[in-house]
Amino acid sequence: MKATCPECNSKQFVTVAHVTEDWVVNENGEFVEVFGSSDTYVVHGPRAGNIWICYKCGEEAKVEE
C-alpha cells in the first residue's frame, strides 16, 4: 500500500487505526477514565479503503494497494 499527496508530495498522512485500551467504567458501562498505564493493542491498522488526509496541506491522498 502506498499513499501520495496530489498537492504537496508529503510523506505523512492522517487516517484511522482501531486500537483497544482498558477503561474504568461505572455500573452502567459509562466511561470514567483510562485504567492506569493501560496497554493499547492495534486491532486494525490503517487500510487502503480509509480516507487518508495529508498531514501537511490537508488534501485527500491517493492510496494504492
Protein backbone atom coordinates (compact mmCIF):
# COMPACT_ATOMS: atom_id res chain seq x y z
CA MET A 1 0.00 0.00 0.00
CA LYS A 2 1.27 3.49 -0.81
CA ALA A 3 -0.27 6.91 -0.18
CA THR A 4 0.66 10.02 -2.11
CA CYS A 5 -0.47 13.61 -1.76
CA PRO A 6 -1.50 15.03 -5.15
CA GLU A 7 -0.87 18.58 -3.89
CA CYS A 8 2.45 18.75 -1.99
CA ASN A 9 4.08 15.28 -2.13
CA SER A 10 4.18 14.99 1.68
CA LYS A 11 5.03 11.59 3.14
CA GLN A 12 2.79 11.88 6.26
CA PHE A 13 -0.96 11.36 6.47
CA VAL A 14 -3.82 11.25 8.97
CA THR A 15 -6.08 8.19 8.79
CA VAL A 16 -7.92 5.81 11.10
CA ALA A 17 -6.48 2.91 13.10
CA HIS A 18 -8.53 0.91 15.59
CA VAL A 19 -6.89 0.28 18.97
CA THR A 20 -8.02 -1.06 22.32
CA GLU A 21 -7.36 0.28 25.80
CA ASP A 22 -8.54 -0.63 29.30
CA TRP A 23 -11.18 1.65 30.82
CA VAL A 24 -12.60 2.21 34.25
CA VAL A 25 -16.39 2.33 33.85
CA ASN A 26 -19.34 2.87 36.17
CA GLU A 27 -22.14 0.42 36.85
CA ASN A 28 -23.85 1.47 33.59
CA GLY A 29 -20.75 0.83 31.47
CA GLU A 30 -20.12 4.55 31.01
CA PHE A 31 -16.53 5.73 30.65
CA VAL A 32 -14.87 7.15 33.77
CA GLU A 33 -11.16 7.15 32.87
CA VAL A 34 -8.40 5.18 31.17
CA PHE A 35 -7.11 2.48 33.52
CA GLY A 36 -3.60 3.31 34.82
CA SER A 37 -0.90 2.82 32.24
CA SER A 38 -3.25 0.87 30.02
CA ASP A 39 -1.58 -1.09 27.25
CA THR A 40 -3.03 -0.38 23.83
CA TYR A 41 -3.35 -3.03 21.17
CA VAL A 42 -3.83 -2.46 17.46
CA VAL A 43 -7.00 -4.20 16.28
CA HIS A 44 -6.79 -2.88 12.71
CA GLY A 45 -4.06 -0.68 11.34
CA PRO A 46 -4.63 1.79 8.50
CA ARG A 47 -6.34 0.34 5.43
CA ALA A 48 -6.34 1.48 1.83
CA GLY A 49 -10.13 1.94 1.94
CA ASN A 50 -9.90 4.57 4.69
CA ILE A 51 -9.83 8.27 3.94
CA TRP A 52 -6.23 9.48 4.14
CA ILE A 53 -5.61 13.21 4.59
CA CYS A 54 -2.25 14.87 4.03
CA TYR A 55 -0.82 15.94 7.38
CA LYS A 56 0.92 18.94 5.80
CA CYS A 57 -1.67 20.51 3.46
CA GLY A 58 -4.99 18.79 4.24
CA GLU A 59 -5.56 17.42 0.74
CA GLU A 60 -7.10 13.94 0.41
CA ALA A 61 -4.40 11.46 -0.56
CA LYS A 62 -4.44 8.89 -3.31
CA VAL A 63 -3.90 5.40 -1.87
CA GLU A 64 -2.82 2.42 -3.94
CA GLU A 65 -2.88 -1.14 -2.64
